[in-house]
């Protein structure tokens, strides 16, 4: 099962919005929100909440791609998020996520018994390439309780 299929199966909002997981690697995740009238705002573009979910989903996809081999000992959790809406988004939009710290550095902190935090940066673009939103989600790998 691919990361996109796994997220669609386990995260109801990803299914609800019909998100398309185009690319999911440890270096980059690309997720597309198709143009759907049911999720438009008052000006006919994707609703801000749908765009937030798109960006957060892209960040989750790269976290699973980069740290999926750590799931037996830690749970990835979003800690906080920030989004800036830059330009009017119309039509299909795409979120591209990248890790803000090297994965090996994050795993080294986990190995040292700490609970690492790391940012994921997301650009949300229209089909013409214009950046309509910029987002940052800070994630942690919470070590599993050994009890």
C-alpha atoms as a PDB file:
ATOM      1  CA  UNK A   1       0.000   0.000   0.000  1.00  0.00           C
ATOM      2  CA  UNK A   2       1.375   3.424  -0.961  1.00  0.00           C
ATOM      3  CA  UNK A   3       1.589   6.312   1.508  1.00  0.00           C
ATOM      4  CA  UNK A   4      -1.201   8.083  -0.359  1.00  0.00           C
ATOM      5  CA  UNK A   5      -3.431   5.009  -0.189  1.00  0.00           C
ATOM      6  CA  UNK A   6      -2.639   4.606   3.500  1.00  0.00           C
ATOM      7  CA  UNK A   7      -3.489   8.240   4.268  1.00  0.00           C
ATOM      8  CA  UNK A   8      -6.693   8.051   2.249  1.00  0.00           C
ATOM      9  CA  UNK A   9      -7.653   4.886   4.146  1.00  0.00           C
ATOM     10  CA  UNK A  10      -6.848   6.222   7.625  1.00  0.00           C
ATOM     11  CA  UNK A  11      -7.564   9.970   7.393  1.00  0.00           C
ATOM     12  CA  UNK A  12     -11.232  10.606   6.567  1.00  0.00           C
ATOM     13  CA  UNK A  13     -10.653  14.267   5.580  1.00  0.00           C
ATOM     14  CA  UNK A  14      -8.183  13.212   2.876  1.00  0.00           C
ATOM     15  CA  UNK A  15     -10.882  10.927   1.432  1.00  0.00           C
ATOM     16  CA  UNK A  16     -13.607  13.527   1.846  1.00  0.00           C
ATOM     17  CA  UNK A  17     -11.656  16.123  -0.154  1.00  0.00           C
ATOM     18  CA  UNK A  18     -10.582  13.541  -2.778  1.00  0.00           C
ATOM     19  CA  UNK A  19      -6.931  14.488  -2.305  1.00  0.00           C
ATOM     20  CA  UNK A  20      -4.559  12.988  -4.859  1.00  0.00           C
ATOM     21  CA  UNK A  21      -1.141  11.960  -3.546  1.00  0.00           C
ATOM     22  CA  UNK A  22       1.012  12.545  -6.627  1.00  0.00           C
ATOM     23  CA  UNK A  23       4.471  12.105  -5.095  1.00  0.00           C
ATOM     24  CA  UNK A  24       5.535  10.865  -1.664  1.00  0.00           C
ATOM     25  CA  UNK A  25       9.269  10.533  -1.082  1.00  0.00           C
ATOM     26  CA  UNK A  26      11.464  11.391   1.915  1.00  0.00           C
ATOM     27  CA  UNK A  27      12.591  14.485  -0.024  1.00  0.00           C
ATOM     28  CA  UNK A  28       9.247  15.797  -1.261  1.00  0.00           C
ATOM     29  CA  UNK A  29       5.512  15.192  -1.113  1.00  0.00           C
ATOM     30  CA  UNK A  30       3.079  16.577  -3.666  1.00  0.00           C
ATOM     31  CA  UNK A  31      -0.671  16.448  -3.054  1.00  0.00           C
ATOM     32  CA  UNK A  32      -3.408  17.836  -5.301  1.00  0.00           C
ATOM     33  CA  UNK A  33      -6.827  19.186  -4.330  1.00  0.00           C
ATOM     34  CA  UNK A  34      -9.082  18.856  -7.384  1.00  0.00           C
ATOM     35  CA  UNK A  35     -11.428  21.734  -8.213  1.00  0.00           C
ATOM     36  CA  UNK A  36     -14.714  20.735  -6.523  1.00  0.00           C
ATOM     37  CA  UNK A  37     -17.664  23.074  -6.120  1.00  0.00           C
ATOM     38  CA  UNK A  38     -18.663  21.525  -2.796  1.00  0.00           C
ATOM     39  CA  UNK A  39     -15.428  22.864  -1.266  1.00  0.00           C
ATOM     40  CA  UNK A  40     -15.453  26.376  -2.756  1.00  0.00           C
ATOM     41  CA  UNK A  41     -15.519  29.607  -0.789  1.00  0.00           C
ATOM     42  CA  UNK A  42     -17.574  32.738  -1.456  1.00  0.00           C
ATOM     43  CA  UNK A  43     -15.393  33.767  -4.431  1.00  0.00           C
ATOM     44  CA  UNK A  44     -15.421  30.376  -6.179  1.00  0.00           C
ATOM     45  CA  UNK A  45     -12.002  29.049  -5.201  1.00  0.00           C
ATOM     46  CA  UNK A  46     -11.026  26.349  -2.724  1.00  0.00           C
ATOM     47  CA  UNK A  47     -12.109  27.133   0.831  1.00  0.00           C
ATOM     48  CA  UNK A  48      -9.332  28.120   3.241  1.00  0.00           C
ATOM     49  CA  UNK A  49     -10.083  25.041   5.357  1.00  0.00           C
ATOM     50  CA  UNK A  50      -9.699  22.774   2.337  1.00  0.00           C
ATOM     51  CA  UNK A  51      -6.376  24.434   1.493  1.00  0.00           C
ATOM     52  CA  UNK A  52      -5.199  23.993   5.093  1.00  0.00           C
ATOM     53  CA  UNK A  53      -6.137  20.299   4.962  1.00  0.00           C
ATOM     54  CA  UNK A  54      -4.309  19.961   1.634  1.00  0.00           C
ATOM     55  CA  UNK A  55      -1.115  21.443   3.092  1.00  0.00           C
ATOM     56  CA  UNK A  56      -1.315  19.485   6.337  1.00  0.00           C
ATOM     57  CA  UNK A  57      -1.881  16.283   4.355  1.00  0.00           C
ATOM     58  CA  UNK A  58       1.191  16.969   2.207  1.00  0.00           C
ATOM     59  CA  UNK A  59       3.220  17.509   5.374  1.00  0.00           C
ATOM     60  CA  UNK A  60       1.942  14.227   6.811  1.00  0.00           C
ATOM     61  CA  UNK A  61       2.837  12.402   3.612  1.00  0.00           C
ATOM     62  CA  UNK A  62       6.464  13.534   3.697  1.00  0.00           C
ATOM     63  CA  UNK A  63       6.694  12.723   7.422  1.00  0.00           C
ATOM     64  CA  UNK A  64       5.520   9.167   6.738  1.00  0.00           C
ATOM     65  CA  UNK A  65       7.881   8.844   3.774  1.00  0.00           C
ATOM     66  CA  UNK A  66      10.865  10.136   5.767  1.00  0.00           C
ATOM     67  CA  UNK A  67      10.137   8.444   9.103  1.00  0.00           C
ATOM     68  CA  UNK A  68       7.932   5.456   8.288  1.00  0.00           C
ATOM     69  CA  UNK A  69      10.729   3.154   9.422  1.00  0.00           C
ATOM     70  CA  UNK A  70      10.468   4.704  12.922  1.00  0.00           C
ATOM     71  CA  UNK A  71       6.748   3.943  13.460  1.00  0.00           C
ATOM     72  CA  UNK A  72       7.483   0.897  15.614  1.00  0.00           C
ATOM     73  CA  UNK A  73       9.045   3.181  18.243  1.00  0.00           C
ATOM     74  CA  UNK A  74       7.497   6.616  17.746  1.00  0.00           C
ATOM     75  CA  UNK A  75       4.253   8.255  16.658  1.00  0.00           C
ATOM     76  CA  UNK A  76       4.410  11.284  14.367  1.00  0.00           C
ATOM     77  CA  UNK A  77       2.205  14.134  15.618  1.00  0.00           C
ATOM     78  CA  UNK A  78       1.611  17.633  14.307  1.00  0.00           C
ATOM     79  CA  UNK A  79       2.498  20.143  17.031  1.00  0.00           C
ATOM     80  CA  UNK A  80       1.521  23.458  15.424  1.00  0.00           C
ATOM     81  CA  UNK A  81       0.837  24.965  12.026  1.00  0.00           C
ATOM     82  CA  UNK A  82       0.896  28.358  10.368  1.00  0.00           C
ATOM     83  CA  UNK A  83      -0.556  29.286   6.988  1.00  0.00           C
ATOM     84  CA  UNK A  84      -0.461  32.473   4.929  1.00  0.00           C
ATOM     85  CA  UNK A  85      -2.880  32.912   2.045  1.00  0.00           C
ATOM     86  CA  UNK A  86      -0.914  34.888  -0.582  1.00  0.00           C
ATOM     87  CA  UNK A  87      -3.028  35.012  -3.745  1.00  0.00           C
ATOM     88  CA  UNK A  88      -6.489  33.995  -4.823  1.00  0.00           C
ATOM     89  CA  UNK A  89      -6.575  30.271  -5.438  1.00  0.00           C
ATOM     90  CA  UNK A  90      -8.853  29.148  -8.234  1.00  0.00           C
ATOM     91  CA  UNK A  91      -9.246  25.721  -9.776  1.00  0.00           C
ATOM     92  CA  UNK A  92      -7.051  22.798  -8.867  1.00  0.00           C
ATOM     93  CA  UNK A  93      -4.343  23.544  -6.287  1.00  0.00           C
ATOM     94  CA  UNK A  94      -1.187  21.624  -5.429  1.00  0.00           C
ATOM     95  CA  UNK A  95       0.753  21.428  -2.165  1.00  0.00           C
ATOM     96  CA  UNK A  96       4.462  20.638  -2.220  1.00  0.00           C
ATOM     97  CA  UNK A  97       6.032  19.743   1.125  1.00  0.00           C
ATOM     98  CA  UNK A  98       9.721  19.582   2.064  1.00  0.00           C
ATOM     99  CA  UNK A  99      11.429  18.741   5.354  1.00  0.00           C
ATOM    100  CA  UNK A 100      13.017  21.662   7.171  1.00  0.00           C
ATOM    101  CA  UNK A 101      15.691  19.506   8.859  1.00  0.00           C
ATOM    102  CA  UNK A 102      17.660  16.480   7.669  1.00  0.00           C
ATOM    103  CA  UNK A 103      15.844  13.254   8.575  1.00  0.00           C
ATOM    104  CA  UNK A 104      19.058  11.731   9.945  1.00  0.00           C
ATOM    105  CA  UNK A 105      19.370  14.609  12.439  1.00  0.00           C
ATOM    106  CA  UNK A 106      15.796  14.031  13.649  1.00  0.00           C
ATOM    107  CA  UNK A 107      16.375  10.276  14.026  1.00  0.00           C
ATOM    108  CA  UNK A 108      19.630  10.955  15.930  1.00  0.00           C
ATOM    109  CA  UNK A 109      17.634  12.981  18.476  1.00  0.00           C
ATOM    110  CA  UNK A 110      15.155  10.124  18.798  1.00  0.00           C
ATOM    111  CA  UNK A 111      18.074   7.689  19.245  1.00  0.00           C
ATOM    112  CA  UNK A 112      19.407   9.925  22.035  1.00  0.00           C
ATOM    113  CA  UNK A 113      16.129   9.566  23.928  1.00  0.00           C
ATOM    114  CA  UNK A 114      14.740  12.985  23.048  1.00  0.00           C
ATOM    115  CA  UNK A 115      11.442  13.915  21.427  1.00  0.00           C
ATOM    116  CA  UNK A 116      12.531  15.716  18.258  1.00  0.00           C
ATOM    117  CA  UNK A 117      10.582  18.509  16.617  1.00  0.00           C
ATOM    118  CA  UNK A 118      11.056  19.482  12.989  1.00  0.00           C
ATOM    119  CA  UNK A 119       9.371  21.812  10.517  1.00  0.00           C
ATOM    120  CA  UNK A 120       7.804  20.886   7.217  1.00  0.00           C
ATOM    121  CA  UNK A 121       7.445  23.693   4.687  1.00  0.00           C
ATOM    122  CA  UNK A 122       4.598  23.641   2.189  1.00  0.00           C
ATOM    123  CA  UNK A 123       3.970  25.778  -0.890  1.00  0.00           C
ATOM    124  CA  UNK A 124       0.438  25.759  -2.275  1.00  0.00           C
ATOM    125  CA  UNK A 125       0.230  26.659  -5.958  1.00  0.00           C
ATOM    126  CA  UNK A 126      -2.349  27.124  -8.688  1.00  0.00           C
ATOM    127  CA  UNK A 127      -2.117  25.340 -12.024  1.00  0.00           C
ATOM    128  CA  UNK A 128      -0.289  28.384 -13.469  1.00  0.00           C
ATOM    129  CA  UNK A 129       2.444  27.951 -10.823  1.00  0.00           C
ATOM    130  CA  UNK A 130       1.553  31.032  -8.775  1.00  0.00           C
ATOM    131  CA  UNK A 131       2.058  30.514  -5.038  1.00  0.00           C
ATOM    132  CA  UNK A 132      -1.329  30.987  -3.385  1.00  0.00           C
ATOM    133  CA  UNK A 133      -0.331  29.877   0.089  1.00  0.00           C
ATOM    134  CA  UNK A 134       2.690  29.207   2.271  1.00  0.00           C
ATOM    135  CA  UNK A 135       2.417  26.898   5.234  1.00  0.00           C
ATOM    136  CA  UNK A 136       4.641  25.471   7.935  1.00  0.00           C
ATOM    137  CA  UNK A 137       3.744  22.506  10.123  1.00  0.00           C
ATOM    138  CA  UNK A 138       5.946  21.569  13.066  1.00  0.00           C
ATOM    139  CA  UNK A 139       5.936  17.830  13.741  1.00  0.00           C
ATOM    140  CA  UNK A 140       7.312  15.684  16.519  1.00  0.00           C
ATOM    141  CA  UNK A 141       8.145  12.014  16.811  1.00  0.00           C
ATOM    142  CA  UNK A 142       6.697  11.031  20.174  1.00  0.00           C
ATOM    143  CA  UNK A 143       8.451   7.938  21.503  1.00  0.00           C
ATOM    144  CA  UNK A 144       6.080   5.070  22.230  1.00  0.00           C
ATOM    145  CA  UNK A 145       5.417   4.388  25.880  1.00  0.00           C
ATOM    146  CA  UNK A 146       7.475   1.284  26.764  1.00  0.00           C
ATOM    147  CA  UNK A 147       4.865   0.068  29.287  1.00  0.00           C
END
